[in-house]
C-alpha atoms as a PDB file:
ATOM      1  CA  MET A   1     -46.070 -13.940  24.239  1.00  0.00           C
ATOM      2  CA  THR A   2     -44.568 -17.266  25.296  1.00  0.00           C
ATOM      3  CA  ASP A   3     -41.597 -19.084  23.899  1.00  0.00           C
ATOM      4  CA  ASP A   4     -42.513 -22.757  23.446  1.00  0.00           C
ATOM      5  CA  ARG A   5     -39.129 -23.837  22.085  1.00  0.00           C
ATOM      6  CA  VAL A   6     -37.397 -26.520  24.156  1.00  0.00           C
ATOM      7  CA  LEU A   7     -33.808 -27.642  23.922  1.00  0.00           C
ATOM      8  CA  GLU A   8     -33.821 -31.360  24.598  1.00  0.00           C
ATOM      9  CA  GLU A   9     -30.121 -32.219  24.661  1.00  0.00           C
ATOM     10  CA  VAL A  10     -26.793 -30.506  23.989  1.00  0.00           C
ATOM     11  CA  MET A  11     -23.811 -32.681  23.081  1.00  0.00           C
ATOM     12  CA  VAL A  12     -20.324 -31.406  23.947  1.00  0.00           C
ATOM     13  CA  THR A  13     -16.950 -32.552  22.616  1.00  0.00           C
ATOM     14  CA  ALA A  14     -14.788 -30.372  24.921  1.00  0.00           C
ATOM     15  CA  ARG A  15     -12.948 -33.369  26.366  1.00  0.00           C
ATOM     16  CA  LYS A  16     -12.278 -35.108  23.021  1.00  0.00           C
ATOM     17  CA  HIS A  17     -15.297 -37.368  23.274  1.00  0.00           C
ATOM     18  CA  GLU A  18     -19.006 -36.742  22.956  1.00  0.00           C
ATOM     19  CA  GLU A  19     -21.004 -36.352  26.144  1.00  0.00           C
ATOM     20  CA  SER A  20     -24.136 -34.626  27.344  1.00  0.00           C
ATOM     21  CA  LEU A  21     -23.807 -31.035  28.543  1.00  0.00           C
ATOM     22  CA  GLN A  22     -25.176 -32.090  31.924  1.00  0.00           C
ATOM     23  CA  ASP A  23     -22.271 -34.548  32.310  1.00  0.00           C
ATOM     24  CA  THR A  24     -19.543 -32.081  31.276  1.00  0.00           C
ATOM     25  CA  PRO A  25     -17.598 -30.581  34.212  1.00  0.00           C
ATOM     26  CA  VAL A  26     -16.873 -27.314  32.406  1.00  0.00           C
ATOM     27  CA  ALA A  27     -18.669 -23.989  32.159  1.00  0.00           C
ATOM     28  CA  ILE A  28     -20.570 -23.468  28.924  1.00  0.00           C
ATOM     29  CA  THR A  29     -21.636 -20.037  27.668  1.00  0.00           C
ATOM     30  CA  ALA A  30     -24.067 -19.953  24.747  1.00  0.00           C
ATOM     31  CA  PHE A  31     -25.414 -16.925  22.883  1.00  0.00           C
ATOM     32  CA  SER A  32     -28.009 -16.541  20.166  1.00  0.00           C
ATOM     33  CA  ALA A  33     -27.212 -14.335  17.191  1.00  0.00           C
ATOM     34  CA  SER A  34     -29.591 -11.674  18.483  1.00  0.00           C
ATOM     35  CA  ALA A  35     -27.959 -11.730  21.938  1.00  0.00           C
ATOM     36  CA  LEU A  36     -24.517 -11.265  20.346  1.00  0.00           C
ATOM     37  CA  ALA A  37     -25.800  -8.325  18.329  1.00  0.00           C
ATOM     38  CA  ALA A  38     -27.511  -6.765  21.350  1.00  0.00           C
ATOM     39  CA  ALA A  39     -24.294  -7.047  23.382  1.00  0.00           C
ATOM     40  CA  GLY A  40     -22.287  -5.430  20.569  1.00  0.00           C
ATOM     41  CA  ILE A  41     -20.172  -8.516  19.979  1.00  0.00           C
ATOM     42  CA  ALA A  42     -18.904  -8.167  16.426  1.00  0.00           C
ATOM     43  CA  ASN A  43     -15.875 -10.487  16.439  1.00  0.00           C
ATOM     44  CA  THR A  44     -14.177 -13.247  18.405  1.00  0.00           C
ATOM     45  CA  ARG A  45     -12.089 -10.805  20.465  1.00  0.00           C
ATOM     46  CA  ASP A  46     -15.292  -9.131  21.735  1.00  0.00           C
ATOM     47  CA  LEU A  47     -16.377 -12.424  23.331  1.00  0.00           C
ATOM     48  CA  GLN A  48     -13.939 -11.898  26.205  1.00  0.00           C
ATOM     49  CA  TYR A  49     -16.175  -9.086  27.472  1.00  0.00           C
ATOM     50  CA  ALA A  50     -19.190 -11.390  27.728  1.00  0.00           C
ATOM     51  CA  VAL A  51     -17.665 -14.762  28.701  1.00  0.00           C
ATOM     52  CA  ALA A  52     -16.379 -15.174  32.252  1.00  0.00           C
ATOM     53  CA  GLY A  53     -12.751 -16.307  32.397  1.00  0.00           C
ATOM     54  CA  LEU A  54     -12.065 -15.805  28.675  1.00  0.00           C
ATOM     55  CA  ASN A  55      -8.947 -13.786  27.855  1.00  0.00           C
ATOM     56  CA  ILE A  56      -7.835 -13.066  24.285  1.00  0.00           C
ATOM     57  CA  THR A  57      -4.555 -11.243  23.694  1.00  0.00           C
ATOM     58  CA  GLU A  58      -2.287 -10.678  20.718  1.00  0.00           C
ATOM     59  CA  GLY A  59       0.582 -13.140  20.727  1.00  0.00           C
ATOM     60  CA  ALA A  60       3.700 -13.466  18.630  1.00  0.00           C
ATOM     61  CA  ARG A  61       3.331 -12.521  14.976  1.00  0.00           C
ATOM     62  CA  LYS A  62      -0.066 -10.980  15.754  1.00  0.00           C
ATOM     63  CA  THR A  63      -1.686 -14.363  16.315  1.00  0.00           C
ATOM     64  CA  PRO A  64      -4.320 -14.509  19.044  1.00  0.00           C
ATOM     65  CA  SER A  65      -3.526 -16.165  22.359  1.00  0.00           C
ATOM     66  CA  ILE A  66      -6.739 -17.500  23.881  1.00  0.00           C
ATOM     67  CA  PHE A  67      -6.917 -18.509  27.541  1.00  0.00           C
ATOM     68  CA  ILE A  68      -9.814 -19.780  29.625  1.00  0.00           C
ATOM     69  CA  ARG A  69      -9.322 -19.631  33.396  1.00  0.00           C
END
């Protein structure tokens, strides 16, 4: 079985303007819904176990503090 799907271009707005993923000097981690399910990722907090450099902690008033190193 072959997968003939091709992703032609990904646009990123990480730096407050639209640019191609290839031109963005940041790490991008992308998951399909089936990959998230297979990894047991059920909520946003679980992402820190699958995304390098992502740290999610509980901040003041139980609000999440999200850091990317």
